[in-house]
Amino acid sequence: MLLTASFSVMVLAAACGGDASVPEASISRSNAVPTAALAVESTPKPEVIVDPNAALAHFEAGVALQEQGRLDQAIAAFDEAIRLNPQYGVSYVRRGGVYRQLGENRRAIRDYDAAIRVDPRNSLAFYIRGNSYYALTQFQQAIEDYSETIRLDPQFVLVYLARGLAHNELDQHLQAI
């Protein structure tokens, strides 16, 4: 299964797009590339897919294209993965990450909403959607998403920092502690 801890960190790091204005931007992406993405990246033309009907192949091509900075092509690959399997929530999360890299946080939020509809227990989607709200200075919405992330995954340490930062932005210093 692709959803390993390293994959989750990779999704998280890619979703931030290296934006220093959001809490998760300090995560190193270099240590978070899953084996499947490495295999796709090593192909000379990742947009050429062996099985054009396989949603996973399009998803993996999208990951490789995103990592290469070919963001428009990555979006197209994720679009196709979603068309082929609209229940694969990670495709929405990754496409949302590309939109975040492009500074399109509102579009990213729509994708995180879709990922949450597919899997209401997707703590990563709540967390990254919170980061998108944070980037839009919608701190109360960010706090709500961070709190839901904590409810779903209390071991997700980084979210406590993010929620504290959002509380701090609202001058809610006691809640920030």
N, C-alpha and C. Protein backbone atom coordinates (compact mmCIF):
# COMPACT_ATOMS: atom_id res chain seq x y z
N MET A 1 0.84 -1.19 0.00
CA MET A 1 0.00 0.00 0.00
C MET A 1 0.88 1.24 0.00
N LEU A 2 0.50 2.24 -0.79
CA LEU A 2 1.31 3.44 -0.92
C LEU A 2 1.30 4.32 0.32
N LEU A 3 0.26 4.24 1.12
CA LEU A 3 0.15 5.16 2.25
C LEU A 3 1.02 4.69 3.41
N THR A 4 2.29 4.95 3.29
CA THR A 4 3.22 4.67 4.37
C THR A 4 3.51 5.96 5.10
N ALA A 5 4.22 5.87 6.20
CA ALA A 5 4.56 7.08 6.94
C ALA A 5 5.38 8.02 6.08
N SER A 6 6.33 7.48 5.32
CA SER A 6 7.15 8.36 4.49
C SER A 6 6.32 8.99 3.40
N PHE A 7 5.32 8.26 2.87
CA PHE A 7 4.46 8.83 1.86
C PHE A 7 3.65 9.98 2.44
N SER A 8 3.14 9.80 3.65
CA SER A 8 2.37 10.86 4.30
C SER A 8 3.22 12.10 4.49
N VAL A 9 4.47 11.92 4.88
CA VAL A 9 5.37 13.06 5.04
C VAL A 9 5.64 13.70 3.69
N MET A 10 5.79 12.88 2.64
CA MET A 10 6.02 13.42 1.32
C MET A 10 4.82 14.25 0.87
N VAL A 11 3.62 13.73 1.08
CA VAL A 11 2.41 14.46 0.72
C VAL A 11 2.37 15.78 1.49
N LEU A 12 2.67 15.71 2.76
CA LEU A 12 2.68 16.88 3.61
C LEU A 12 3.69 17.90 3.11
N ALA A 13 4.90 17.47 2.84
CA ALA A 13 5.95 18.39 2.40
C ALA A 13 5.62 18.97 1.03
N ALA A 14 5.12 18.14 0.13
CA ALA A 14 4.79 18.63 -1.20
C ALA A 14 3.62 19.60 -1.15
N ALA A 15 2.71 19.36 -0.26
CA ALA A 15 1.53 20.21 -0.16
C ALA A 15 1.88 21.61 0.30
N CYS A 16 2.94 21.77 1.06
CA CYS A 16 3.30 23.10 1.54
C CYS A 16 3.95 23.92 0.43
N GLY A 17 4.53 23.28 -0.57
CA GLY A 17 5.15 23.99 -1.68
C GLY A 17 6.32 24.85 -1.26
N GLY A 18 6.91 24.56 -0.12
CA GLY A 18 8.07 25.32 0.33
C GLY A 18 7.74 26.72 0.79
N ASP A 19 6.48 27.01 1.06
CA ASP A 19 6.05 28.34 1.47
C ASP A 19 6.40 28.56 2.94
N ALA A 20 7.31 29.47 3.21
CA ALA A 20 7.76 29.70 4.58
C ALA A 20 6.70 30.36 5.45
N SER A 21 5.59 30.80 4.87
CA SER A 21 4.56 31.47 5.66
C SER A 21 3.59 30.49 6.31
N VAL A 22 3.75 29.21 6.06
CA VAL A 22 2.87 28.23 6.67
C VAL A 22 3.65 27.33 7.60
N PRO A 23 3.00 26.80 8.63
CA PRO A 23 3.71 26.10 9.69
C PRO A 23 4.52 24.89 9.25
N GLU A 24 4.13 24.18 8.20
CA GLU A 24 4.82 22.94 7.87
C GLU A 24 5.99 23.13 6.92
N ALA A 25 6.31 24.36 6.55
CA ALA A 25 7.32 24.59 5.52
C ALA A 25 8.72 24.15 5.92
N SER A 26 8.96 23.90 7.19
CA SER A 26 10.30 23.52 7.61
C SER A 26 10.59 22.04 7.41
N ILE A 27 9.61 21.27 6.97
CA ILE A 27 9.83 19.84 6.76
C ILE A 27 10.73 19.64 5.55
N SER A 28 11.71 18.78 5.70
CA SER A 28 12.61 18.47 4.60
C SER A 28 11.95 17.51 3.64
N ARG A 29 11.89 17.86 2.38
CA ARG A 29 11.31 16.98 1.39
C ARG A 29 12.29 15.91 0.96
N SER A 30 13.58 16.13 1.15
CA SER A 30 14.58 15.20 0.63
C SER A 30 14.49 13.83 1.26
N ASN A 31 14.01 13.72 2.46
CA ASN A 31 13.93 12.43 3.14
C ASN A 31 12.56 11.79 3.02
N ALA A 32 11.69 12.33 2.20
CA ALA A 32 10.30 11.89 2.23
C ALA A 32 9.79 11.39 0.88
N VAL A 33 10.63 10.82 0.04
CA VAL A 33 10.18 10.34 -1.26
C VAL A 33 9.95 8.84 -1.19
N PRO A 34 8.72 8.39 -1.46
CA PRO A 34 8.46 6.96 -1.38
C PRO A 34 9.09 6.21 -2.54
N THR A 35 9.26 4.93 -2.37
CA THR A 35 9.87 4.09 -3.39
C THR A 35 9.12 4.15 -4.70
N ALA A 36 7.79 4.12 -4.65
CA ALA A 36 6.99 4.14 -5.88
C ALA A 36 7.25 5.41 -6.67
N ALA A 37 7.35 6.55 -5.99
CA ALA A 37 7.61 7.81 -6.70
C ALA A 37 9.01 7.80 -7.29
N LEU A 38 9.98 7.23 -6.61
CA LEU A 38 11.33 7.15 -7.15
C LEU A 38 11.35 6.33 -8.43
N ALA A 39 10.61 5.25 -8.45
CA ALA A 39 10.57 4.41 -9.64
C ALA A 39 9.97 5.16 -10.81
N VAL A 40 8.92 5.93 -10.56
CA VAL A 40 8.31 6.70 -11.62
C VAL A 40 9.23 7.81 -12.07
N GLU A 41 9.90 8.48 -11.12
CA GLU A 41 10.80 9.57 -11.48
C GLU A 41 11.96 9.10 -12.33
N SER A 42 12.38 7.86 -12.18
CA SER A 42 13.54 7.39 -12.91
C SER A 42 13.23 7.09 -14.37
N THR A 43 11.95 7.07 -14.75
CA THR A 43 11.61 6.83 -16.14
C THR A 43 11.86 8.10 -16.93
N PRO A 44 12.32 7.96 -18.19
CA PRO A 44 12.67 9.15 -18.97
C PRO A 44 11.49 10.07 -19.23
N LYS A 45 10.28 9.51 -19.44
CA LYS A 45 9.10 10.33 -19.71
C LYS A 45 7.97 9.86 -18.82
N PRO A 46 7.86 10.42 -17.59
CA PRO A 46 6.85 9.92 -16.66
C PRO A 46 5.42 10.13 -17.13
N GLU A 47 5.21 11.03 -18.10
CA GLU A 47 3.85 11.22 -18.57
C GLU A 47 3.40 10.10 -19.50
N VAL A 48 4.32 9.27 -19.98
CA VAL A 48 3.97 8.11 -20.79
C VAL A 48 3.64 6.97 -19.83
N ILE A 49 2.40 6.55 -19.85
CA ILE A 49 1.91 5.57 -18.88
C ILE A 49 1.70 4.23 -19.57
N VAL A 50 2.24 3.17 -18.98
CA VAL A 50 2.13 1.84 -19.55
C VAL A 50 0.67 1.41 -19.68
N ASP A 51 -0.12 1.60 -18.64
CA ASP A 51 -1.53 1.23 -18.64
C ASP A 51 -2.37 2.49 -18.51
N PRO A 52 -2.85 3.03 -19.63
CA PRO A 52 -3.55 4.32 -19.58
C PRO A 52 -4.86 4.29 -18.80
N ASN A 53 -5.37 3.12 -18.47
CA ASN A 53 -6.62 3.04 -17.71
C ASN A 53 -6.39 2.90 -16.22
N ALA A 54 -5.18 2.86 -15.78
CA ALA A 54 -4.89 2.65 -14.36
C ALA A 54 -4.78 3.99 -13.65
N ALA A 55 -5.69 4.22 -12.72
CA ALA A 55 -5.66 5.47 -11.96
C ALA A 55 -4.35 5.61 -11.19
N LEU A 56 -3.86 4.51 -10.65
CA LEU A 56 -2.62 4.57 -9.88
C LEU A 56 -1.44 4.99 -10.75
N ALA A 57 -1.40 4.55 -11.99
CA ALA A 57 -0.32 4.95 -12.89
C ALA A 57 -0.36 6.45 -13.14
N HIS A 58 -1.55 6.99 -13.33
CA HIS A 58 -1.68 8.44 -13.52
C HIS A 58 -1.31 9.18 -12.24
N PHE A 59 -1.72 8.65 -11.11
CA PHE A 59 -1.35 9.26 -9.83
C PHE A 59 0.17 9.30 -9.68
N GLU A 60 0.83 8.18 -9.90
CA GLU A 60 2.29 8.13 -9.74
C GLU A 60 3.00 9.04 -10.74
N ALA A 61 2.47 9.13 -11.95
CA ALA A 61 3.04 10.07 -12.92
C ALA A 61 2.87 11.50 -12.41
N GLY A 62 1.71 11.80 -11.83
CA GLY A 62 1.48 13.13 -11.27
C GLY A 62 2.46 13.46 -10.17
N VAL A 63 2.74 12.48 -9.31
CA VAL A 63 3.72 12.68 -8.24
C VAL A 63 5.09 13.02 -8.83
N ALA A 64 5.51 12.23 -9.82
CA ALA A 64 6.82 12.46 -10.44
C ALA A 64 6.87 13.83 -11.12
N LEU A 65 5.82 14.17 -11.84
CA LEU A 65 5.77 15.46 -12.52
C LEU A 65 5.79 16.61 -11.52
N GLN A 66 5.08 16.47 -10.42
CA GLN A 66 5.09 17.50 -9.39
C GLN A 66 6.50 17.67 -8.83
N GLU A 67 7.15 16.57 -8.55
CA GLU A 67 8.51 16.64 -8.00
C GLU A 67 9.49 17.26 -9.00
N GLN A 68 9.21 17.12 -10.28
CA GLN A 68 10.05 17.72 -11.32
C GLN A 68 9.69 19.18 -11.58
N GLY A 69 8.65 19.66 -10.94
CA GLY A 69 8.23 21.05 -11.13
C GLY A 69 7.38 21.26 -12.36
N ARG A 70 6.91 20.20 -12.96
CA ARG A 70 6.06 20.29 -14.15
C ARG A 70 4.61 20.28 -13.67
N LEU A 71 4.22 21.40 -13.09
CA LEU A 71 2.99 21.46 -12.31
C LEU A 71 1.72 21.34 -13.15
N ASP A 72 1.69 21.98 -14.32
CA ASP A 72 0.49 21.86 -15.16
C ASP A 72 0.28 20.42 -15.60
N GLN A 73 1.37 19.74 -15.94
CA GLN A 73 1.27 18.33 -16.33
C GLN A 73 0.88 17.46 -15.13
N ALA A 74 1.37 17.82 -13.96
CA ALA A 74 1.01 17.07 -12.75
C ALA A 74 -0.49 17.19 -12.50
N ILE A 75 -1.02 18.40 -12.64
CA ILE A 75 -2.47 18.59 -12.45
C ILE A 75 -3.24 17.72 -13.43
N ALA A 76 -2.80 17.70 -14.69
CA ALA A 76 -3.49 16.88 -15.69
C ALA A 76 -3.45 15.40 -15.32
N ALA A 77 -2.32 14.94 -14.82
CA ALA A 77 -2.20 13.53 -14.41
C ALA A 77 -3.11 13.23 -13.23
N PHE A 78 -3.15 14.13 -12.25
CA PHE A 78 -4.05 13.93 -11.11
C PHE A 78 -5.51 14.01 -11.53
N ASP A 79 -5.82 14.92 -12.48
CA ASP A 79 -7.19 14.99 -13.01
C ASP A 79 -7.62 13.65 -13.57
N GLU A 80 -6.72 13.03 -14.34
CA GLU A 80 -7.05 11.74 -14.96
C GLU A 80 -7.17 10.64 -13.90
N ALA A 81 -6.29 10.66 -12.91
CA ALA A 81 -6.38 9.68 -11.82
C ALA A 81 -7.72 9.81 -11.10
N ILE A 82 -8.16 11.04 -10.87
CA ILE A 82 -9.44 11.28 -10.20
C ILE A 82 -10.60 10.86 -11.09
N ARG A 83 -10.49 11.14 -12.39
CA ARG A 83 -11.55 10.72 -13.32
C ARG A 83 -11.70 9.20 -13.30
N LEU A 84 -10.56 8.49 -13.28
CA LEU A 84 -10.59 7.03 -13.31
C LEU A 84 -11.00 6.42 -11.97
N ASN A 85 -10.66 7.08 -10.87
CA ASN A 85 -11.01 6.56 -9.55
C ASN A 85 -11.29 7.73 -8.60
N PRO A 86 -12.50 8.26 -8.64
CA PRO A 86 -12.83 9.41 -7.79
C PRO A 86 -12.83 9.10 -6.30
N GLN A 87 -12.70 7.84 -5.92
CA GLN A 87 -12.68 7.46 -4.51
C GLN A 87 -11.27 7.37 -3.94
N TYR A 88 -10.25 7.66 -4.74
CA TYR A 88 -8.87 7.61 -4.27
C TYR A 88 -8.50 9.01 -3.77
N GLY A 89 -8.76 9.24 -2.49
CA GLY A 89 -8.63 10.57 -1.90
C GLY A 89 -7.25 11.18 -1.98
N VAL A 90 -6.22 10.36 -2.03
CA VAL A 90 -4.85 10.89 -2.07
C VAL A 90 -4.62 11.69 -3.35
N SER A 91 -5.31 11.35 -4.43
CA SER A 91 -5.17 12.12 -5.67
C SER A 91 -5.64 13.56 -5.46
N TYR A 92 -6.72 13.74 -4.71
CA TYR A 92 -7.19 15.09 -4.41
C TYR A 92 -6.18 15.83 -3.54
N VAL A 93 -5.62 15.13 -2.56
CA VAL A 93 -4.64 15.76 -1.67
C VAL A 93 -3.42 16.21 -2.47
N ARG A 94 -2.92 15.35 -3.35
CA ARG A 94 -1.74 15.71 -4.14
C ARG A 94 -2.04 16.86 -5.11
N ARG A 95 -3.20 16.81 -5.78
CA ARG A 95 -3.54 17.90 -6.69
C ARG A 95 -3.70 19.20 -5.90
N GLY A 96 -4.29 19.11 -4.71
CA GLY A 96 -4.38 20.29 -3.86
C GLY A 96 -3.00 20.84 -3.52
N GLY A 97 -2.04 19.94 -3.32
CA GLY A 97 -0.67 20.37 -3.05
C GLY A 97 -0.07 21.13 -4.22
N VAL A 98 -0.38 20.70 -5.43
CA VAL A 98 0.10 21.42 -6.61
C VAL A 98 -0.53 22.80 -6.65
N TYR A 99 -1.82 22.87 -6.40
CA TYR A 99 -2.48 24.19 -6.37
C TYR A 99 -1.86 25.09 -5.31
N ARG A 100 -1.49 24.52 -4.17
CA ARG A 100 -0.82 25.33 -3.14
C ARG A 100 0.52 25.83 -3.65
N GLN A 101 1.26 24.97 -4.35
CA GLN A 101 2.54 25.40 -4.91
C GLN A 101 2.34 26.57 -5.87
N LEU A 102 1.22 26.58 -6.56
CA LEU A 102 0.91 27.65 -7.50
C LEU A 102 0.29 28.87 -6.80
N GLY A 103 0.13 28.79 -5.49
CA GLY A 103 -0.46 29.90 -4.73
C GLY A 103 -1.97 29.96 -4.84
N GLU A 104 -2.59 28.89 -5.31
CA GLU A 104 -4.04 28.85 -5.49
C GLU A 104 -4.68 28.10 -4.32
N ASN A 105 -4.64 28.73 -3.15
CA ASN A 105 -5.12 28.07 -1.94
C ASN A 105 -6.61 27.77 -1.97
N ARG A 106 -7.41 28.60 -2.60
CA ARG A 106 -8.85 28.33 -2.65
C ARG A 106 -9.15 27.06 -3.46
N ARG A 107 -8.44 26.89 -4.57
CA ARG A 107 -8.60 25.66 -5.35
C ARG A 107 -8.10 24.46 -4.56
N ALA A 108 -7.01 24.66 -3.84
CA ALA A 108 -6.47 23.58 -3.00
C ALA A 108 -7.50 23.16 -1.96
N ILE A 109 -8.15 24.14 -1.34
CA ILE A 109 -9.17 23.84 -0.32
C ILE A 109 -10.29 23.00 -0.92
N ARG A 110 -10.70 23.30 -2.14
CA ARG A 110 -11.75 22.49 -2.79
C ARG A 110 -11.30 21.03 -2.93
N ASP A 111 -10.02 20.84 -3.27
CA ASP A 111 -9.52 19.46 -3.38
C ASP A 111 -9.45 18.78 -2.02
N TYR A 112 -9.03 19.51 -0.99
CA TYR A 112 -9.00 18.91 0.35
C TYR A 112 -10.42 18.59 0.82
N ASP A 113 -11.38 19.46 0.47
CA ASP A 113 -12.79 19.16 0.78
C ASP A 113 -13.20 17.83 0.14
N ALA A 114 -12.81 17.64 -1.13
CA ALA A 114 -13.16 16.40 -1.84
C ALA A 114 -12.50 15.20 -1.17
N ALA A 115 -11.25 15.34 -0.78
CA ALA A 115 -10.55 14.23 -0.10
C ALA A 115 -11.25 13.87 1.20
N ILE A 116 -11.73 14.88 1.91
CA ILE A 116 -12.42 14.65 3.18
C ILE A 116 -13.78 14.00 2.94
N ARG A 117 -14.46 14.38 1.85
CA ARG A 117 -15.73 13.72 1.52
C ARG A 117 -15.50 12.23 1.24
N VAL A 118 -14.41 11.92 0.55
CA VAL A 118 -14.08 10.52 0.25
C VAL A 118 -13.73 9.77 1.53
N ASP A 119 -12.96 10.42 2.40
CA ASP A 119 -12.52 9.78 3.65
C ASP A 119 -12.56 10.80 4.78
N PRO A 120 -13.67 10.87 5.52
CA PRO A 120 -13.81 11.86 6.59
C PRO A 120 -12.82 11.68 7.74
N ARG A 121 -12.04 10.61 7.73
CA ARG A 121 -11.03 10.39 8.77
C ARG A 121 -9.62 10.70 8.26
N ASN A 122 -9.51 11.38 7.14
CA ASN A 122 -8.22 11.71 6.55
C ASN A 122 -7.63 12.91 7.29
N SER A 123 -6.87 12.62 8.34
CA SER A 123 -6.31 13.70 9.16
C SER A 123 -5.36 14.58 8.37
N LEU A 124 -4.64 14.01 7.43
CA LEU A 124 -3.71 14.80 6.63
C LEU A 124 -4.45 15.84 5.80
N ALA A 125 -5.60 15.47 5.23
CA ALA A 125 -6.38 16.43 4.44
C ALA A 125 -6.87 17.58 5.31
N PHE A 126 -7.31 17.27 6.53
CA PHE A 126 -7.72 18.35 7.45
C PHE A 126 -6.54 19.25 7.77
N TYR A 127 -5.40 18.65 8.05
CA TYR A 127 -4.21 19.43 8.41
C TYR A 127 -3.79 20.36 7.27
N ILE A 128 -3.69 19.82 6.08
CA ILE A 128 -3.22 20.64 4.96
C ILE A 128 -4.28 21.66 4.56
N ARG A 129 -5.56 21.31 4.67
CA ARG A 129 -6.59 22.31 4.42
C ARG A 129 -6.46 23.44 5.44
N GLY A 130 -6.16 23.08 6.69
CA GLY A 130 -5.90 24.11 7.70
C GLY A 130 -4.74 25.01 7.31
N ASN A 131 -3.71 24.43 6.73
CA ASN A 131 -2.57 25.24 6.27
C ASN A 131 -2.97 26.18 5.15
N SER A 132 -3.88 25.73 4.29
CA SER A 132 -4.37 26.61 3.23
C SER A 132 -5.17 27.77 3.81
N TYR A 133 -6.02 27.47 4.78
CA TYR A 133 -6.75 28.54 5.46
C TYR A 133 -5.77 29.49 6.16
N TYR A 134 -4.76 28.95 6.77
CA TYR A 134 -3.74 29.77 7.44
C TYR A 134 -3.08 30.72 6.43
N ALA A 135 -2.72 30.19 5.27
CA ALA A 135 -2.09 31.01 4.23
C ALA A 135 -3.02 32.12 3.74
N LEU A 136 -4.33 31.88 3.82
CA LEU A 136 -5.33 32.89 3.43
C LEU A 136 -5.70 33.80 4.60
N THR A 137 -5.00 33.68 5.70
CA THR A 137 -5.24 34.41 6.96
C THR A 137 -6.64 34.16 7.52
N GLN A 138 -7.20 33.01 7.23
CA GLN A 138 -8.49 32.59 7.79
C GLN A 138 -8.17 31.68 8.98
N PHE A 139 -7.68 32.32 10.03
CA PHE A 139 -7.09 31.59 11.15
C PHE A 139 -8.11 30.76 11.94
N GLN A 140 -9.34 31.25 12.08
CA GLN A 140 -10.34 30.46 12.81
C GLN A 140 -10.64 29.16 12.09
N GLN A 141 -10.78 29.22 10.75
CA GLN A 141 -11.01 27.99 9.99
C GLN A 141 -9.81 27.06 10.11
N ALA A 142 -8.61 27.64 10.10
CA ALA A 142 -7.40 26.82 10.27
C ALA A 142 -7.42 26.11 11.61
N ILE A 143 -7.79 26.83 12.66
CA ILE A 143 -7.85 26.24 14.01
C ILE A 143 -8.85 25.08 14.03
N GLU A 144 -9.99 25.27 13.39
CA GLU A 144 -11.00 24.20 13.36
C GLU A 144 -10.45 22.95 12.68
N ASP A 145 -9.75 23.13 11.56
CA ASP A 145 -9.17 21.98 10.88
C ASP A 145 -8.03 21.35 11.69
N TYR A 146 -7.22 22.18 12.31
CA TYR A 146 -6.14 21.63 13.15
C TYR A 146 -6.73 20.85 14.33
N SER A 147 -7.80 21.37 14.91
CA SER A 147 -8.43 20.67 16.03
C SER A 147 -9.00 19.32 15.59
N GLU A 148 -9.59 19.29 14.41
CA GLU A 148 -10.11 18.02 13.88
C GLU A 148 -8.96 17.05 13.60
N THR A 149 -7.85 17.56 13.11
CA THR A 149 -6.68 16.71 12.89
C THR A 149 -6.23 16.08 14.21
N ILE A 150 -6.20 16.88 15.25
CA ILE A 150 -5.79 16.38 16.57
C ILE A 150 -6.78 15.33 17.07
N ARG A 151 -8.07 15.57 16.85
CA ARG A 151 -9.08 14.59 17.27
C ARG A 151 -8.86 13.26 16.55
N LEU A 152 -8.56 13.33 15.25
CA LEU A 152 -8.38 12.12 14.46
C LEU A 152 -7.03 11.44 14.70
N ASP A 153 -6.01 12.26 14.95
CA ASP A 153 -4.64 11.72 15.08
C ASP A 153 -3.88 12.50 16.15
N PRO A 154 -4.13 12.20 17.42
CA PRO A 154 -3.49 12.96 18.50
C PRO A 154 -1.97 12.82 18.54
N GLN A 155 -1.41 11.86 17.82
CA GLN A 155 0.05 11.68 17.78
C GLN A 155 0.72 12.56 16.72
N PHE A 156 -0.05 13.28 15.92
CA PHE A 156 0.46 14.14 14.85
C PHE A 156 0.97 15.43 15.49
N VAL A 157 2.22 15.42 15.90
CA VAL A 157 2.79 16.46 16.75
C VAL A 157 2.80 17.83 16.07
N LEU A 158 3.11 17.88 14.80
CA LEU A 158 3.26 19.16 14.10
C LEU A 158 1.98 20.00 14.13
N VAL A 159 0.83 19.35 14.17
CA VAL A 159 -0.43 20.08 14.14
C VAL A 159 -0.63 20.93 15.40
N TYR A 160 -0.07 20.50 16.52
CA TYR A 160 -0.19 21.29 17.75
C TYR A 160 0.52 22.64 17.59
N LEU A 161 1.67 22.61 16.96
CA LEU A 161 2.40 23.86 16.69
C LEU A 161 1.60 24.74 15.75
N ALA A 162 1.08 24.15 14.68
CA ALA A 162 0.31 24.93 13.71
C ALA A 162 -0.91 25.58 14.37
N ARG A 163 -1.61 24.82 15.20
CA ARG A 163 -2.79 25.37 15.87
C ARG A 163 -2.38 26.50 16.81
N GLY A 164 -1.28 26.32 17.52
CA GLY A 164 -0.79 27.37 18.41
C GLY A 164 -0.45 28.65 17.65
N LEU A 165 0.18 28.49 16.49
CA LEU A 165 0.51 29.66 15.67
C LEU A 165 -0.76 30.38 15.20
N ALA A 166 -1.78 29.62 14.82
CA ALA A 166 -3.03 30.23 14.38
C ALA A 166 -3.71 30.96 15.54
N HIS A 167 -3.72 30.36 16.72
CA HIS A 167 -4.26 31.05 17.89
C HIS A 167 -3.49 32.33 18.16
N ASN A 168 -2.19 32.27 18.03
CA ASN A 168 -1.35 33.45 18.25
C ASN A 168 -1.71 34.57 17.27
N GLU A 169 -1.98 34.21 16.02
CA GLU A 169 -2.36 35.21 15.02
C GLU A 169 -3.66 35.93 15.40
N LEU A 170 -4.52 35.24 16.15
CA LEU A 170 -5.79 35.83 16.60
C LEU A 170 -5.66 36.45 17.99
N ASP A 171 -4.43 36.61 18.46
CA ASP A 171 -4.16 37.14 19.80
C ASP A 171 -4.82 36.31 20.89
N GLN A 172 -4.96 35.04 20.66
CA GLN A 172 -5.50 34.10 21.65
C GLN A 172 -4.31 33.39 22.29
N HIS A 173 -3.56 34.15 23.04
CA HIS A 173 -2.27 33.67 23.53
C HIS A 173 -2.39 32.51 24.52
N LEU A 174 -3.41 32.51 25.35
CA LEU A 174 -3.58 31.39 26.29
C LEU A 174 -3.88 30.09 25.56
N GLN A 175 -4.71 30.15 24.50
CA GLN A 175 -5.02 28.96 23.73
C GLN A 175 -3.81 28.51 22.90
N ALA A 176 -2.91 29.44 22.61
CA ALA A 176 -1.74 29.11 21.80
C ALA A 176 -0.74 28.24 22.55
N ILE A 177 -0.85 28.23 23.87
CA ILE A 177 0.11 27.46 24.67
C ILE A 177 -0.18 25.99 24.58
